[in-house]
Amino acid sequence: MIPGKWIFAGFVIGVNDGEKTTFELMLYELIAAVILLPSFFLLKNSPPTAPSAFANTDVCVPFKQ
């Protein structure tokens, strides 16, 4: 007897089960895409205000200072 074979006793999987699982995964991916796609257009790259007063200036300060 093969060790661990009793774990899968009575477990039968067919081609239809694989097709069903693939369809379910594709459906979940479609739902996630529909939910996440608007976020690319609604989220902004920068905040409405600067994080500090210095961020509004164009002064270049060397790293060592």
N, C-alpha and C. Protein backbone atom coordinates (compact mmCIF):
# COMPACT_ATOMS: atom_id res chain seq x y z
N MET A 1 0.85 -1.19 0.00
CA MET A 1 0.00 0.00 0.00
C MET A 1 0.89 1.24 0.00
N ILE A 2 0.51 2.21 -0.79
CA ILE A 2 1.26 3.46 -0.90
C ILE A 2 0.95 4.33 0.33
N PRO A 3 2.00 4.84 1.01
CA PRO A 3 1.75 5.70 2.17
C PRO A 3 0.96 6.94 1.79
N GLY A 4 -0.01 7.29 2.58
CA GLY A 4 -0.81 8.47 2.34
C GLY A 4 -1.94 8.28 1.34
N LYS A 5 -2.07 7.08 0.79
CA LYS A 5 -3.10 6.84 -0.20
C LYS A 5 -4.49 6.94 0.41
N TRP A 6 -4.62 6.64 1.67
CA TRP A 6 -5.93 6.69 2.33
C TRP A 6 -6.49 8.10 2.39
N ILE A 7 -5.63 9.12 2.27
CA ILE A 7 -6.10 10.50 2.31
C ILE A 7 -7.00 10.79 1.11
N PHE A 8 -6.63 10.23 -0.04
CA PHE A 8 -7.38 10.49 -1.26
C PHE A 8 -8.36 9.39 -1.62
N ALA A 9 -8.67 8.52 -0.67
CA ALA A 9 -9.61 7.43 -0.94
C ALA A 9 -10.98 8.01 -1.25
N GLY A 10 -11.56 7.58 -2.33
CA GLY A 10 -12.89 8.05 -2.72
C GLY A 10 -12.89 9.40 -3.39
N PHE A 11 -11.72 9.98 -3.62
CA PHE A 11 -11.63 11.30 -4.26
C PHE A 11 -11.47 11.10 -5.75
N VAL A 12 -12.49 11.49 -6.50
CA VAL A 12 -12.47 11.34 -7.95
C VAL A 12 -12.70 12.72 -8.56
N ILE A 13 -11.84 13.09 -9.46
CA ILE A 13 -11.99 14.37 -10.13
C ILE A 13 -12.07 14.13 -11.63
N GLY A 14 -12.95 14.82 -12.28
CA GLY A 14 -13.13 14.64 -13.71
C GLY A 14 -12.81 15.92 -14.46
N VAL A 15 -12.91 15.84 -15.77
CA VAL A 15 -12.63 16.99 -16.62
C VAL A 15 -13.64 18.10 -16.35
N ASN A 16 -14.87 17.75 -16.11
CA ASN A 16 -15.90 18.76 -15.85
C ASN A 16 -15.60 19.56 -14.60
N ASP A 17 -15.01 18.92 -13.59
CA ASP A 17 -14.65 19.64 -12.38
C ASP A 17 -13.58 20.68 -12.68
N GLY A 18 -12.63 20.34 -13.53
CA GLY A 18 -11.59 21.28 -13.90
C GLY A 18 -12.14 22.45 -14.69
N GLU A 19 -13.08 22.18 -15.58
CA GLU A 19 -13.71 23.26 -16.35
C GLU A 19 -14.50 24.18 -15.44
N LYS A 20 -15.19 23.60 -14.46
CA LYS A 20 -15.97 24.41 -13.53
C LYS A 20 -15.05 25.30 -12.69
N THR A 21 -13.96 24.74 -12.21
CA THR A 21 -13.01 25.50 -11.40
C THR A 21 -12.37 26.62 -12.22
N THR A 22 -12.02 26.34 -13.47
CA THR A 22 -11.43 27.36 -14.33
C THR A 22 -12.42 28.48 -14.58
N PHE A 23 -13.67 28.14 -14.84
CA PHE A 23 -14.69 29.15 -15.06
C PHE A 23 -14.88 30.02 -13.81
N GLU A 24 -14.90 29.40 -12.63
CA GLU A 24 -15.05 30.15 -11.39
C GLU A 24 -13.89 31.12 -11.18
N LEU A 25 -12.66 30.67 -11.46
CA LEU A 25 -11.51 31.56 -11.31
C LEU A 25 -11.58 32.72 -12.29
N MET A 26 -11.99 32.46 -13.52
CA MET A 26 -12.12 33.53 -14.50
C MET A 26 -13.21 34.52 -14.08
N LEU A 27 -14.28 34.03 -13.49
CA LEU A 27 -15.35 34.89 -13.01
C LEU A 27 -14.84 35.78 -11.88
N TYR A 28 -14.08 35.23 -10.94
CA TYR A 28 -13.51 36.03 -9.85
C TYR A 28 -12.55 37.09 -10.38
N GLU A 29 -11.76 36.74 -11.38
CA GLU A 29 -10.84 37.70 -11.98
C GLU A 29 -11.60 38.83 -12.67
N LEU A 30 -12.69 38.52 -13.34
CA LEU A 30 -13.50 39.53 -13.99
C LEU A 30 -14.10 40.49 -12.97
N ILE A 31 -14.63 39.94 -11.89
CA ILE A 31 -15.21 40.78 -10.84
C ILE A 31 -14.15 41.69 -10.23
N ALA A 32 -12.96 41.16 -9.96
CA ALA A 32 -11.88 41.96 -9.39
C ALA A 32 -11.46 43.06 -10.36
N ALA A 33 -11.40 42.76 -11.65
CA ALA A 33 -11.01 43.77 -12.64
C ALA A 33 -12.05 44.87 -12.71
N VAL A 34 -13.31 44.52 -12.68
CA VAL A 34 -14.38 45.53 -12.74
C VAL A 34 -14.33 46.43 -11.52
N ILE A 35 -14.00 45.87 -10.37
CA ILE A 35 -13.93 46.67 -9.14
C ILE A 35 -12.68 47.54 -9.12
N LEU A 36 -11.54 47.03 -9.60
CA LEU A 36 -10.28 47.76 -9.48
C LEU A 36 -10.00 48.74 -10.61
N LEU A 37 -10.55 48.54 -11.79
CA LEU A 37 -10.27 49.43 -12.91
C LEU A 37 -10.62 50.89 -12.64
N PRO A 38 -11.75 51.21 -12.03
CA PRO A 38 -12.05 52.62 -11.77
C PRO A 38 -11.02 53.31 -10.86
N SER A 39 -10.33 52.55 -10.03
CA SER A 39 -9.35 53.16 -9.13
C SER A 39 -8.19 53.78 -9.90
N PHE A 40 -7.86 53.26 -11.09
CA PHE A 40 -6.79 53.85 -11.89
C PHE A 40 -7.16 55.24 -12.38
N PHE A 41 -8.43 55.49 -12.56
CA PHE A 41 -8.87 56.79 -13.06
C PHE A 41 -9.28 57.75 -11.94
N LEU A 42 -9.68 57.21 -10.80
CA LEU A 42 -10.16 58.06 -9.72
C LEU A 42 -9.07 58.49 -8.75
N LEU A 43 -8.01 57.71 -8.61
CA LEU A 43 -6.94 58.06 -7.69
C LEU A 43 -5.98 59.05 -8.35
N LYS A 44 -5.55 60.04 -7.59
CA LYS A 44 -4.67 61.07 -8.13
C LYS A 44 -3.21 60.73 -7.82
N ASN A 45 -2.30 61.25 -8.64
CA ASN A 45 -0.88 61.01 -8.44
C ASN A 45 -0.29 61.85 -7.31
N SER A 46 -0.89 62.99 -7.02
CA SER A 46 -0.35 63.86 -5.98
C SER A 46 -1.48 64.31 -5.06
N PRO A 47 -1.13 64.64 -3.83
CA PRO A 47 -2.16 65.10 -2.90
C PRO A 47 -2.64 66.50 -3.28
N PRO A 48 -3.80 66.94 -2.82
CA PRO A 48 -4.31 68.26 -3.18
C PRO A 48 -3.47 69.40 -2.61
N THR A 49 -2.83 69.17 -1.48
CA THR A 49 -1.95 70.19 -0.89
C THR A 49 -0.58 69.57 -0.66
N ALA A 50 0.42 70.44 -0.60
CA ALA A 50 1.78 69.97 -0.35
C ALA A 50 1.91 69.47 1.09
N PRO A 51 2.77 68.47 1.33
CA PRO A 51 2.91 67.94 2.68
C PRO A 51 3.57 68.92 3.64
N SER A 52 4.32 69.90 3.11
CA SER A 52 4.95 70.91 3.95
C SER A 52 5.10 72.20 3.16
N ALA A 53 5.44 73.28 3.86
CA ALA A 53 5.62 74.57 3.19
C ALA A 53 6.85 74.53 2.29
N PHE A 54 7.89 73.81 2.67
CA PHE A 54 9.11 73.74 1.87
C PHE A 54 8.86 73.01 0.55
N ALA A 55 7.89 72.12 0.52
CA ALA A 55 7.60 71.36 -0.70
C ALA A 55 7.06 72.26 -1.81
N ASN A 56 6.51 73.44 -1.42
CA ASN A 56 5.98 74.37 -2.42
C ASN A 56 7.08 75.20 -3.08
N THR A 57 8.27 75.22 -2.53
CA THR A 57 9.35 76.05 -3.08
C THR A 57 10.12 75.28 -4.14
N ASP A 58 10.83 76.06 -4.99
CA ASP A 58 11.66 75.46 -6.03
C ASP A 58 13.13 75.50 -5.66
N VAL A 59 13.44 75.65 -4.38
CA VAL A 59 14.81 75.74 -3.91
C VAL A 59 15.44 74.35 -3.91
N CYS A 60 16.63 74.25 -4.46
CA CYS A 60 17.36 72.99 -4.47
C CYS A 60 18.39 73.02 -3.34
N VAL A 61 18.22 72.18 -2.37
CA VAL A 61 19.13 72.13 -1.23
C VAL A 61 20.04 70.92 -1.40
N PRO A 62 21.37 71.10 -1.35
CA PRO A 62 22.27 69.95 -1.43
C PRO A 62 22.05 68.98 -0.28
N PHE A 63 22.39 67.76 -0.51
CA PHE A 63 22.13 66.70 0.47
C PHE A 63 22.91 66.94 1.75
N LYS A 64 24.15 67.43 1.67
CA LYS A 64 25.00 67.60 2.85
C LYS A 64 24.49 68.70 3.77
N GLN A 65 23.77 69.66 3.25
CA GLN A 65 23.22 70.73 4.11
C GLN A 65 22.02 70.18 4.86
